[in-house]
């Protein structure tokens, strides 16, 4: 094969190789860009899911706190009623005791 033909074939092969490398680099860059875009989408989705989960858990915690608060208030009201009833039941007894103390004090002074 004459030299000029060999040189042309080498140049042609080099040009083809350069084209293949350029196409591979372009493909690589496109794939990297797509991967970054998809990674950003995944990150955004994960952040949204995390926000939703946080809000759901906060709402559940608020509901539990409200329920506990209502239970405590209800128990406090029941205890208050029981104490008031007990006090009402003892009014006559305490009144009698005070009258007896008064009478003893009056007799002690005379």
PDB file of N, CA and C in Angstrom:
ATOM      1  N   UNK A   1       0.856  -1.161   0.000  1.00  0.00           N
ATOM      2  CA  UNK A   1       0.000   0.000   0.000  1.00  0.00           C
ATOM      3  C   UNK A   1       0.909   1.234   0.000  1.00  0.00           C
ATOM      4  N   UNK A   2       0.607   2.169  -0.900  1.00  0.00           N
ATOM      5  CA  UNK A   2       1.448   3.355  -0.973  1.00  0.00           C
ATOM      6  C   UNK A   2       1.285   4.207   0.271  1.00  0.00           C
ATOM      7  N   UNK A   3       2.301   4.950   0.549  1.00  0.00           N
ATOM      8  CA  UNK A   3       2.327   5.791   1.745  1.00  0.00           C
ATOM      9  C   UNK A   3       1.178   6.771   1.840  1.00  0.00           C
ATOM     10  N   UNK A   4       0.841   7.489   0.813  1.00  0.00           N
ATOM     11  CA  UNK A   4      -0.253   8.438   0.933  1.00  0.00           C
ATOM     12  C   UNK A   4      -1.555   7.759   1.346  1.00  0.00           C
ATOM     13  N   UNK A   5      -1.782   6.565   0.824  1.00  0.00           N
ATOM     14  CA  UNK A   5      -3.006   5.858   1.210  1.00  0.00           C
ATOM     15  C   UNK A   5      -2.966   5.459   2.683  1.00  0.00           C
ATOM     16  N   UNK A   6      -1.818   4.996   3.128  1.00  0.00           N
ATOM     17  CA  UNK A   6      -1.666   4.606   4.534  1.00  0.00           C
ATOM     18  C   UNK A   6      -1.894   5.814   5.422  1.00  0.00           C
ATOM     19  N   UNK A   7      -1.326   6.932   5.059  1.00  0.00           N
ATOM     20  CA  UNK A   7      -1.506   8.153   5.852  1.00  0.00           C
ATOM     21  C   UNK A   7      -2.969   8.583   5.849  1.00  0.00           C
ATOM     22  N   UNK A   8      -3.615   8.473   4.708  1.00  0.00           N
ATOM     23  CA  UNK A   8      -5.034   8.836   4.637  1.00  0.00           C
ATOM     24  C   UNK A   8      -5.875   7.908   5.516  1.00  0.00           C
ATOM     25  N   UNK A   9      -5.573   6.622   5.468  1.00  0.00           N
ATOM     26  CA  UNK A   9      -6.318   5.677   6.300  1.00  0.00           C
ATOM     27  C   UNK A   9      -6.080   5.940   7.775  1.00  0.00           C
ATOM     28  N   UNK A  10      -4.837   6.268   8.123  1.00  0.00           N
ATOM     29  CA  UNK A  10      -4.526   6.586   9.526  1.00  0.00           C
ATOM     30  C   UNK A  10      -5.277   7.847   9.936  1.00  0.00           C
ATOM     31  N   UNK A  11      -5.235   8.848   9.094  1.00  0.00           N
ATOM     32  CA  UNK A  11      -5.951  10.091   9.397  1.00  0.00           C
ATOM     33  C   UNK A  11      -7.448   9.832   9.499  1.00  0.00           C
ATOM     34  N   UNK A  12      -7.967   9.023   8.588  1.00  0.00           N
ATOM     35  CA  UNK A  12      -9.383   8.703   8.607  1.00  0.00           C
ATOM     36  C   UNK A  12      -9.734   7.951   9.897  1.00  0.00           C
ATOM     37  N   UNK A  13      -8.893   6.998  10.275  1.00  0.00           N
ATOM     38  CA  UNK A  13      -9.127   6.236  11.507  1.00  0.00           C
ATOM     39  C   UNK A  13      -9.056   7.160  12.717  1.00  0.00           C
ATOM     40  N   UNK A  14      -8.114   8.074  12.717  1.00  0.00           N
ATOM     41  CA  UNK A  14      -7.994   9.022  13.823  1.00  0.00           C
ATOM     42  C   UNK A  14      -9.225   9.926  13.894  1.00  0.00           C
ATOM     43  N   UNK A  15      -9.699  10.371  12.725  1.00  0.00           N
ATOM     44  CA  UNK A  15     -10.899  11.205  12.697  1.00  0.00           C
ATOM     45  C   UNK A  15     -12.105  10.430  13.218  1.00  0.00           C
ATOM     46  N   UNK A  16     -12.221   9.172  12.797  1.00  0.00           N
ATOM     47  CA  UNK A  16     -13.315   8.339  13.296  1.00  0.00           C
ATOM     48  C   UNK A  16     -13.199   8.141  14.807  1.00  0.00           C
ATOM     49  N   UNK A  17     -11.987   7.905  15.266  1.00  0.00           N
ATOM     50  CA  UNK A  17     -11.760   7.722  16.701  1.00  0.00           C
ATOM     51  C   UNK A  17     -12.114   9.002  17.448  1.00  0.00           C
ATOM     52  N   UNK A  18     -11.723  10.142  16.894  1.00  0.00           N
ATOM     53  CA  UNK A  18     -12.054  11.429  17.521  1.00  0.00           C
ATOM     54  C   UNK A  18     -13.569  11.619  17.573  1.00  0.00           C
ATOM     55  N   UNK A  19     -14.246  11.229  16.482  1.00  0.00           N
ATOM     56  CA  UNK A  19     -15.706  11.337  16.457  1.00  0.00           C
ATOM     57  C   UNK A  19     -16.336  10.427  17.499  1.00  0.00           C
ATOM     58  N   UNK A  20     -15.831   9.195  17.592  1.00  0.00           N
ATOM     59  CA  UNK A  20     -16.353   8.253  18.583  1.00  0.00           C
ATOM     60  C   UNK A  20     -16.124   8.799  19.991  1.00  0.00           C
ATOM     61  N   UNK A  21     -14.943   9.329  20.245  1.00  0.00           N
ATOM     62  CA  UNK A  21     -14.635   9.894  21.563  1.00  0.00           C
ATOM     63  C   UNK A  21     -15.539  11.093  21.835  1.00  0.00           C
ATOM     64  N   UNK A  22     -15.722  11.954  20.836  1.00  0.00           N
ATOM     65  CA  UNK A  22     -16.582  13.131  21.017  1.00  0.00           C
ATOM     66  C   UNK A  22     -18.014  12.704  21.301  1.00  0.00           C
ATOM     67  N   UNK A  23     -18.513  11.711  20.567  1.00  0.00           N
ATOM     68  CA  UNK A  23     -19.865  11.210  20.801  1.00  0.00           C
ATOM     69  C   UNK A  23     -19.974  10.585  22.197  1.00  0.00           C
ATOM     70  N   UNK A  24     -18.949   9.843  22.593  1.00  0.00           N
ATOM     71  CA  UNK A  24     -18.955   9.212  23.918  1.00  0.00           C
ATOM     72  C   UNK A  24     -18.935  10.280  25.014  1.00  0.00           C
ATOM     73  N   UNK A  25     -18.139  11.326  24.816  1.00  0.00           N
ATOM     74  CA  UNK A  25     -18.089  12.411  25.796  1.00  0.00           C
ATOM     75  C   UNK A  25     -19.426  13.145  25.868  1.00  0.00           C
ATOM     76  N   UNK A  26     -20.037  13.377  24.713  1.00  0.00           N
ATOM     77  CA  UNK A  26     -21.341  14.029  24.677  1.00  0.00           C
ATOM     78  C   UNK A  26     -22.380  13.165  25.387  1.00  0.00           C
ATOM     79  N   UNK A  27     -22.360  11.861  25.083  1.00  0.00           N
ATOM     80  CA  UNK A  27     -23.282  10.929  25.718  1.00  0.00           C
ATOM     81  C   UNK A  27     -23.052  10.911  27.235  1.00  0.00           C
ATOM     82  N   UNK A  28     -21.790  10.883  27.636  1.00  0.00           N
ATOM     83  CA  UNK A  28     -21.450  10.906  29.060  1.00  0.00           C
ATOM     84  C   UNK A  28     -21.995  12.168  29.726  1.00  0.00           C
ATOM     85  N   UNK A  29     -21.772  13.313  29.092  1.00  0.00           N
ATOM     86  CA  UNK A  29     -22.248  14.581  29.655  1.00  0.00           C
ATOM     87  C   UNK A  29     -23.771  14.603  29.773  1.00  0.00           C
ATOM     88  N   UNK A  30     -24.444  14.058  28.746  1.00  0.00           N
ATOM     89  CA  UNK A  30     -25.912  13.999  28.786  1.00  0.00           C
ATOM     90  C   UNK A  30     -26.390  13.079  29.909  1.00  0.00           C
ATOM     91  N   UNK A  31     -25.725  11.946  30.045  1.00  0.00           N
ATOM     92  CA  UNK A  31     -26.110  11.008  31.106  1.00  0.00           C
ATOM     93  C   UNK A  31     -25.857  11.603  32.492  1.00  0.00           C
ATOM     94  N   UNK A  32     -24.759  12.302  32.639  1.00  0.00           N
ATOM     95  CA  UNK A  32     -24.457  12.954  33.920  1.00  0.00           C
ATOM     96  C   UNK A  32     -25.515  14.012  34.220  1.00  0.00           C
ATOM     97  N   UNK A  33     -25.883  14.787  33.210  1.00  0.00           N
ATOM     98  CA  UNK A  33     -26.909  15.824  33.404  1.00  0.00           C
ATOM     99  C   UNK A  33     -28.242  15.181  33.774  1.00  0.00           C
ATOM    100  N   UNK A  34     -28.603  14.092  33.091  1.00  0.00           N
ATOM    101  CA  UNK A  34     -29.844  13.390  33.411  1.00  0.00           C
ATOM    102  C   UNK A  34     -29.801  12.820  34.823  1.00  0.00           C
ATOM    103  N   UNK A  35     -28.657  12.251  35.199  1.00  0.00           N
ATOM    104  CA  UNK A  35     -28.511  11.676  36.543  1.00  0.00           C
ATOM    105  C   UNK A  35     -28.636  12.767  37.607  1.00  0.00           C
ATOM    106  N   UNK A  36     -28.030  13.920  37.351  1.00  0.00           N
ATOM    107  CA  UNK A  36     -28.137  15.029  38.309  1.00  0.00           C
ATOM    108  C   UNK A  36     -29.580  15.511  38.419  1.00  0.00           C
ATOM    109  N   UNK A  37     -30.236  15.599  37.274  1.00  0.00           N
ATOM    110  CA  UNK A  37     -31.639  16.022  37.263  1.00  0.00           C
ATOM    111  C   UNK A  37     -32.505  15.030  38.038  1.00  0.00           C
ATOM    112  N   UNK A  38     -32.284  13.746  37.800  1.00  0.00           N
ATOM    113  CA  UNK A  38     -33.056  12.720  38.513  1.00  0.00           C
ATOM    114  C   UNK A  38     -32.734  12.740  40.003  1.00  0.00           C
ATOM    115  N   UNK A  39     -31.477  12.940  40.339  1.00  0.00           N
ATOM    116  CA  UNK A  39     -31.090  13.026  41.755  1.00  0.00           C
ATOM    117  C   UNK A  39     -31.783  14.208  42.423  1.00  0.00           C
ATOM    118  N   UNK A  40     -31.888  15.316  41.720  1.00  0.00           N
ATOM    119  CA  UNK A  40     -32.577  16.493  42.264  1.00  0.00           C
ATOM    120  C   UNK A  40     -34.062  16.195  42.447  1.00  0.00           C
ATOM    121  N   UNK A  41     -34.664  15.498  41.496  1.00  0.00           N
ATOM    122  CA  UNK A  41     -36.071  15.114  41.624  1.00  0.00           C
ATOM    123  C   UNK A  41     -36.272  14.209  42.844  1.00  0.00           C
ATOM    124  N   UNK A  42     -35.385  13.246  43.010  1.00  0.00           N
ATOM    125  CA  UNK A  42     -35.478  12.322  44.145  1.00  0.00           C
ATOM    126  C   UNK A  42     -35.318  13.090  45.449  1.00  0.00           C
ATOM    127  N   UNK A  43     -34.348  14.005  45.500  1.00  0.00           N
ATOM    128  CA  UNK A  43     -34.130  14.804  46.712  1.00  0.00           C
ATOM    129  C   UNK A  43     -35.360  15.644  47.025  1.00  0.00           C
ATOM    130  N   UNK A  44     -35.943  16.254  46.005  1.00  0.00           N
ATOM    131  CA  UNK A  44     -37.134  17.077  46.204  1.00  0.00           C
ATOM    132  C   UNK A  44     -38.303  16.231  46.703  1.00  0.00           C
ATOM    133  N   UNK A  45     -38.481  15.062  46.100  1.00  0.00           N
ATOM    134  CA  UNK A  45     -39.545  14.156  46.548  1.00  0.00           C
ATOM    135  C   UNK A  45     -39.326  13.718  47.991  1.00  0.00           C
ATOM    136  N   UNK A  46     -38.089  13.388  48.326  1.00  0.00           N
ATOM    137  CA  UNK A  46     -37.772  12.941  49.688  1.00  0.00           C
ATOM    138  C   UNK A  46     -38.025  14.066  50.695  1.00  0.00           C
ATOM    139  N   UNK A  47     -37.649  15.286  50.335  1.00  0.00           N
ATOM    140  CA  UNK A  47     -37.901  16.418  51.228  1.00  0.00           C
ATOM    141  C   UNK A  47     -39.399  16.635  51.435  1.00  0.00           C
ATOM    142  N   UNK A  48     -40.174  16.511  50.372  1.00  0.00           N
ATOM    143  CA  UNK A  48     -41.621  16.684  50.474  1.00  0.00           C
ATOM    144  C   UNK A  48     -42.235  15.586  51.343  1.00  0.00           C
ATOM    145  N   UNK A  49     -41.791  14.359  51.136  1.00  0.00           N
ATOM    146  CA  UNK A  49     -42.281  13.253  51.963  1.00  0.00           C
ATOM    147  C   UNK A  49     -41.920  13.477  53.430  1.00  0.00           C
ATOM    148  N   UNK A  50     -40.707  13.958  53.668  1.00  0.00           N
ATOM    149  CA  UNK A  50     -40.269  14.219  55.045  1.00  0.00           C
ATOM    150  C   UNK A  50     -41.119  15.320  55.666  1.00  0.00           C
ATOM    151  N   UNK A  51     -41.413  16.368  54.894  1.00  0.00           N
ATOM    152  CA  UNK A  51     -42.267  17.457  55.404  1.00  0.00           C
ATOM    153  C   UNK A  51     -43.661  16.927  55.738  1.00  0.00           C
ATOM    154  N   UNK A  52     -44.209  16.119  54.834  1.00  0.00           N
ATOM    155  CA  UNK A  52     -45.540  15.564  55.069  1.00  0.00           C
ATOM    156  C   UNK A  52     -45.554  14.669  56.301  1.00  0.00           C
ATOM    157  N   UNK A  53     -44.527  13.840  56.446  1.00  0.00           N
ATOM    158  CA  UNK A  53     -44.433  12.959  57.606  1.00  0.00           C
ATOM    159  C   UNK A  53     -44.309  13.780  58.889  1.00  0.00           C
ATOM    160  N   UNK A  54     -43.499  14.812  58.839  1.00  0.00           N
ATOM    161  CA  UNK A  54     -43.334  15.685  60.007  1.00  0.00           C
ATOM    162  C   UNK A  54     -44.663  16.326  60.396  1.00  0.00           C
ATOM    163  N   UNK A  55     -45.372  16.847  59.408  1.00  0.00           N
ATOM    164  CA  UNK A  55     -46.665  17.472  59.689  1.00  0.00           C
ATOM    165  C   UNK A  55     -47.662  16.467  60.242  1.00  0.00           C
ATOM    166  N   UNK A  56     -47.661  15.270  59.672  1.00  0.00           N
ATOM    167  CA  UNK A  56     -48.571  14.223  60.142  1.00  0.00           C
ATOM    168  C   UNK A  56     -48.248  13.853  61.589  1.00  0.00           C
ATOM    169  N   UNK A  57     -46.975  13.698  61.894  1.00  0.00           N
ATOM    170  CA  UNK A  57     -46.573  13.345  63.265  1.00  0.00           C
ATOM    171  C   UNK A  57     -46.868  14.473  64.235  1.00  0.00           C
ATOM    172  N   UNK A  58     -46.648  15.704  63.802  1.00  0.00           N
ATOM    173  CA  UNK A  58     -46.973  16.846  64.667  1.00  0.00           C
ATOM    174  C   UNK A  58     -48.468  16.895  64.953  1.00  0.00           C
ATOM    175  N   UNK A  59     -49.271  16.660  63.937  1.00  0.00           N
ATOM    176  CA  UNK A  59     -50.720  16.667  64.117  1.00  0.00           C
ATOM    177  C   UNK A  59     -51.142  15.549  65.063  1.00  0.00           C
ATOM    178  N   UNK A  60     -50.552  14.363  64.888  1.00  0.00           N
ATOM    179  CA  UNK A  60     -50.862  13.247  65.787  1.00  0.00           C
ATOM    180  C   UNK A  60     -50.471  13.592  67.224  1.00  0.00           C
ATOM    181  N   UNK A  61     -49.304  14.211  67.382  1.00  0.00           N
ATOM    182  CA  UNK A  61     -48.851  14.592  68.726  1.00  0.00           C
ATOM    183  C   UNK A  61     -49.786  15.635  69.332  1.00  0.00           C
ATOM    184  N   UNK A  62     -50.213  16.596  68.509  1.00  0.00           N
ATOM    185  CA  UNK A  62     -51.158  17.608  69.006  1.00  0.00           C
ATOM    186  C   UNK A  62     -52.467  16.961  69.446  1.00  0.00           C
ATOM    187  N   UNK A  63     -52.943  16.011  68.655  1.00  0.00           N
ATOM    188  CA  UNK A  63     -54.181  15.322  69.008  1.00  0.00           C
ATOM    189  C   UNK A  63     -54.021  14.549  70.313  1.00  0.00           C
ATOM    190  N   UNK A  64     -52.875  13.882  70.465  1.00  0.00           N
ATOM    191  CA  UNK A  64     -52.623  13.146  71.711  1.00  0.00           C
ATOM    192  C   UNK A  64     -52.554  14.096  72.901  1.00  0.00           C
ATOM    193  N   UNK A  65     -51.898  15.224  72.712  1.00  0.00           N
ATOM    194  CA  UNK A  65     -51.784  16.210  73.791  1.00  0.00           C
ATOM    195  C   UNK A  65     -53.163  16.757  74.144  1.00  0.00           C
ATOM    196  N   UNK A  66     -53.954  17.070  73.117  1.00  0.00           N
ATOM    197  CA  UNK A  66     -55.308  17.572  73.372  1.00  0.00           C
ATOM    198  C   UNK A  66     -56.144  16.540  74.122  1.00  0.00           C
ATOM    199  N   UNK A  67     -56.030  15.270  73.722  1.00  0.00           N
ATOM    200  CA  UNK A  67     -56.783  14.205  74.386  1.00  0.00           C
ATOM    201  C   UNK A  67     -56.331  14.061  75.837  1.00  0.00           C
ATOM    202  N   UNK A  68     -55.025  14.128  76.061  1.00  0.00           N
ATOM    203  CA  UNK A  68     -54.497  14.020  77.427  1.00  0.00           C
ATOM    204  C   UNK A  68     -54.945  15.208  78.264  1.00  0.00           C
ATOM    205  N   UNK A  69     -54.927  16.376  77.671  1.00  0.00           N
ATOM    206  CA  UNK A  69     -55.382  17.584  78.363  1.00  0.00           C
ATOM    207  C   UNK A  69     -56.850  17.438  78.754  1.00  0.00           C
ATOM    208  N   UNK A  70     -57.670  16.975  77.823  1.00  0.00           N
ATOM    209  CA  UNK A  70     -59.093  16.770  78.116  1.00  0.00           C
ATOM    210  C   UNK A  70     -59.280  15.746  79.228  1.00  0.00           C
ATOM    211  N   UNK A  71     -58.495  14.673  79.191  1.00  0.00           N
ATOM    212  CA  UNK A  71     -58.598  13.646  80.226  1.00  0.00           C
ATOM    213  C   UNK A  71     -58.228  14.222  81.592  1.00  0.00           C
ATOM    214  N   UNK A  72     -57.147  14.993  81.631  1.00  0.00           N
ATOM    215  CA  UNK A  72     -56.706  15.598  82.896  1.00  0.00           C
ATOM    216  C   UNK A  72     -57.761  16.572  83.412  1.00  0.00           C
ATOM    217  N   UNK A  73     -58.303  17.389  82.519  1.00  0.00           N
ATOM    218  CA  UNK A  73     -59.345  18.334  82.930  1.00  0.00           C
ATOM    219  C   UNK A  73     -60.586  17.603  83.430  1.00  0.00           C
ATOM    220  N   UNK A  74     -60.963  16.546  82.743  1.00  0.00           N
ATOM    221  CA  UNK A  74     -62.133  15.753  83.141  1.00  0.00           C
ATOM    222  C   UNK A  74     -61.906  15.126  84.524  1.00  0.00           C
ATOM    223  N   UNK A  75     -60.708  14.553  84.721  1.00  0.00           N
ATOM    224  CA  UNK A  75     -60.392  13.964  86.030  1.00  0.00           C
ATOM    225  C   UNK A  75     -60.370  15.033  87.116  1.00  0.00           C
ATOM    226  N   UNK A  76     -59.824  16.209  86.790  1.00  0.00           N
ATOM    227  CA  UNK A  76     -59.798  17.313  87.753  1.00  0.00           C
ATOM    228  C   UNK A  76     -61.206  17.745  88.124  1.00  0.00           C
ATOM    229  N   UNK A  77     -62.076  17.807  87.138  1.00  0.00           N
ATOM    230  CA  UNK A  77     -63.474  18.182  87.394  1.00  0.00           C
ATOM    231  C   UNK A  77     -64.150  17.127  88.267  1.00  0.00           C
ATOM    232  N   UNK A  78     -63.890  15.860  87.974  1.00  0.00           N
ATOM    233  CA  UNK A  78     -64.466  14.783  88.795  1.00  0.00           C
ATOM    234  C   UNK A  78     -63.945  14.862  90.231  1.00  0.00           C
ATOM    235  N   UNK A  79     -62.641  15.100  90.389  1.00  0.00           N
ATOM    236  CA  UNK A  79     -62.063  15.234  91.733  1.00  0.00           C
ATOM    237  C   UNK A  79     -62.658  16.432  92.465  1.00  0.00           C
ATOM    238  N   UNK A  80     -62.824  17.550  91.742  1.00  0.00           N
ATOM    239  CA  UNK A  80     -63.411  18.749  92.357  1.00  0.00           C
ATOM    240  C   UNK A  80     -64.831  18.461  92.823  1.00  0.00           C
ATOM    241  N   UNK A  81     -65.592  17.793  91.977  1.00  0.00           N
ATOM    242  CA  UNK A  81     -66.974  17.449  92.350  1.00  0.00           C
ATOM    243  C   UNK A  81     -66.996  16.531  93.572  1.00  0.00           C
ATOM    244  N   UNK A  82     -66.101  15.564  93.614  1.00  0.00           N
ATOM    245  CA  UNK A  82     -66.043  14.631  94.739  1.00  0.00           C
ATOM    246  C   UNK A  82     -65.689  15.379  96.023  1.00  0.00           C
ATOM    247  N   UNK A  83     -64.725  16.297  95.941  1.00  0.00           N
ATOM    248  CA  UNK A  83     -64.339  17.076  97.124  1.00  0.00           C
ATOM    249  C   UNK A  83     -65.486  17.986  97.569  1.00  0.00           C
ATOM    250  N   UNK A  84     -66.161  18.600  96.618  1.00  0.00           N
ATOM    251  CA  UNK A  84     -67.281  19.475  96.959  1.00  0.00           C
ATOM    252  C   UNK A  84     -68.395  18.665  97.609  1.00  0.00           C
ATOM    253  N   UNK A  85     -68.662  17.488  97.094  1.00  0.00           N
ATOM    254  CA  UNK A  85     -69.693  16.617  97.668  1.00  0.00           C
ATOM    255  C   UNK A  85     -69.307  16.195  99.086  1.00  0.00           C
ATOM    256  N   UNK A  86     -68.051  15.850  99.246  1.00  0.00           N
ATOM    257  CA  UNK A  86     -67.565  15.462 100.571  1.00  0.00           C
ATOM    258  C   UNK A  86     -67.703  16.642 101.543  1.00  0.00           C
ATOM    259  N   UNK A  87     -67.361  17.833 101.076  1.00  0.00           N
ATOM    260  CA  UNK A  87     -67.487  19.026 101.933  1.00  0.00           C
ATOM    261  C   UNK A  87     -68.945  19.276 102.288  1.00  0.00           C
ATOM    262  N   UNK A  88     -69.844  19.146 101.319  1.00  0.00           N
ATOM    263  CA  UNK A  88     -71.275  19.343 101.596  1.00  0.00           C
ATOM    264  C   UNK A  88     -71.787  18.313 102.608  1.00  0.00           C
ATOM    265  N   UNK A  89     -71.288  17.085 102.475  1.00  0.00           N
ATOM    266  CA  UNK A  89     -71.696  16.039 103.407  1.00  0.00           C
ATOM    267  C   UNK A  89     -71.228  16.340 104.840  1.00  0.00           C
ATOM    268  N   UNK A  90     -70.160  17.076 104.997  1.00  0.00           N
ATOM    269  CA  UNK A  90     -69.603  17.331 106.325  1.00  0.00           C
ATOM    270  C   UNK A  90     -70.046  18.652 106.931  1.00  0.00           C
ATOM    271  N   UNK A  91     -70.848  19.435 106.217  1.00  0.00           N
ATOM    272  CA  UNK A  91     -71.270  20.741 106.732  1.00  0.00           C
ATOM    273  C   UNK A  91     -71.942  20.604 108.094  1.00  0.00           C
ATOM    274  N   UNK A  92     -72.891  19.696 108.221  1.00  0.00           N
ATOM    275  CA  UNK A  92     -73.598  19.528 109.500  1.00  0.00           C
ATOM    276  C   UNK A  92     -72.629  19.096 110.593  1.00  0.00           C
ATOM    277  N   UNK A  93     -71.745  18.162 110.266  1.00  0.00           N
ATOM    278  CA  UNK A  93     -70.780  17.672 111.255  1.00  0.00           C
ATOM    279  C   UNK A  93     -69.850  18.786 111.730  1.00  0.00           C
ATOM    280  N   UNK A  94     -69.345  19.565 110.804  1.00  0.00           N
ATOM    281  CA  UNK A  94     -68.433  20.666 111.155  1.00  0.00           C
ATOM    282  C   UNK A  94     -69.188  21.744 111.926  1.00  0.00           C
ATOM    283  N   UNK A  95     -70.404  22.021 111.495  1.00  0.00           N
ATOM    284  CA  UNK A  95     -71.204  23.030 112.198  1.00  0.00           C
ATOM    285  C   UNK A  95     -71.420  22.591 113.643  1.00  0.00           C
ATOM    286  N   UNK A  96     -71.775  21.346 113.823  1.00  0.00           N
ATOM    287  CA  UNK A  96     -71.979  20.812 115.177  1.00  0.00           C
ATOM    288  C   UNK A  96     -70.690  20.926 115.983  1.00  0.00           C
ATOM    289  N   UNK A  97     -69.554  20.611 115.392  1.00  0.00           N
ATOM    290  CA  UNK A  97     -68.274  20.691 116.080  1.00  0.00           C
ATOM    291  C   UNK A  97     -67.963  22.122 116.499  1.00  0.00           C
ATOM    292  N   UNK A  98     -68.202  23.087 115.606  1.00  0.00           N
ATOM    293  CA  UNK A  98     -67.939  24.496 115.920  1.00  0.00           C
ATOM    294  C   UNK A  98     -68.852  24.962 117.045  1.00  0.00           C
ATOM    295  N   UNK A  99     -70.097  24.554 117.007  1.00  0.00           N
ATOM    296  CA  UNK A  99     -71.043  24.938 118.068  1.00  0.00           C
ATOM    297  C   UNK A  99     -70.577  24.371 119.411  1.00  0.00           C
ATOM    298  N   UNK A 100     -70.113  23.117 119.399  1.00  0.00           N
ATOM    299  CA  UNK A 100     -69.630  22.502 120.634  1.00  0.00           C
ATOM    300  C   UNK A 100     -68.410  23.244 121.162  1.00  0.00           C
ATOM    301  N   UNK A 101     -67.483  23.610 120.261  1.00  0.00           N
ATOM    302  CA  UNK A 101     -66.306  24.378 120.693  1.00  0.00           C
ATOM    303  C   UNK A 101     -66.728  25.728 121.286  1.00  0.00           C
ATOM    304  N   UNK A 102     -67.667  26.351 120.652  1.00  0.00           N
ATOM    305  CA  UNK A 102     -68.161  27.647 121.138  1.00  0.00           C
ATOM    306  C   UNK A 102     -68.784  27.482 122.530  1.00  0.00           C
ATOM    307  N   UNK A 103     -69.604  26.455 122.659  1.00  0.00           N
ATOM    308  CA  UNK A 103     -70.248  26.218 123.951  1.00  0.00           C
ATOM    309  C   UNK A 103     -69.223  25.931 125.046  1.00  0.00           C
ATOM    310  N   UNK A 104     -68.216  25.140 124.725  1.00  0.00           N
ATOM    311  CA  UNK A 104     -67.164  24.856 125.692  1.00  0.00           C
ATOM    312  C   UNK A 104     -66.433  26.117 126.095  1.00  0.00           C
ATOM    313  N   UNK A 105     -66.193  26.982 125.122  1.00  0.00           N
ATOM    314  CA  UNK A 105     -65.490  28.227 125.388  1.00  0.00           C
ATOM    315  C   UNK A 105     -66.348  29.141 126.262  1.00  0.00           C
ATOM    316  N   UNK A 106     -67.649  29.167 125.968  1.00  0.00           N
ATOM    317  CA  UNK A 106     -68.565  30.000 126.767  1.00  0.00           C
ATOM    318  C   UNK A 106     -68.616  29.460 128.210  1.00  0.00           C
ATOM    319  N   UNK A 107     -68.733  28.151 128.388  1.00  0.00           N
ATOM    320  CA  UNK A 107     -68.769  27.558 129.734  1.00  0.00           C
ATOM    321  C   UNK A 107     -67.457  27.764 130.466  1.00  0.00           C
ATOM    322  N   UNK A 108     -66.340  27.752 129.722  1.00  0.00           N
ATOM    323  CA  UNK A 108     -65.060  27.923 130.359  1.00  0.00           C
ATOM    324  C   UNK A 108     -64.891  29.361 130.875  1.00  0.00           C
ATOM    325  N   UNK A 109     -65.558  30.303 130.265  1.00  0.00           N
ATOM    326  CA  UNK A 109     -65.434  31.701 130.679  1.00  0.00           C
ATOM    327  C   UNK A 109     -66.368  32.031 131.833  1.00  0.00           C
ATOM    328  N   UNK A 110     -67.359  31.218 132.051  1.00  0.00           N
ATOM    329  CA  UNK A 110     -68.281  31.533 133.148  1.00  0.00           C
ATOM    330  C   UNK A 110     -67.965  30.818 134.409  1.00  0.00           C
TER     331      UNK A 110
END
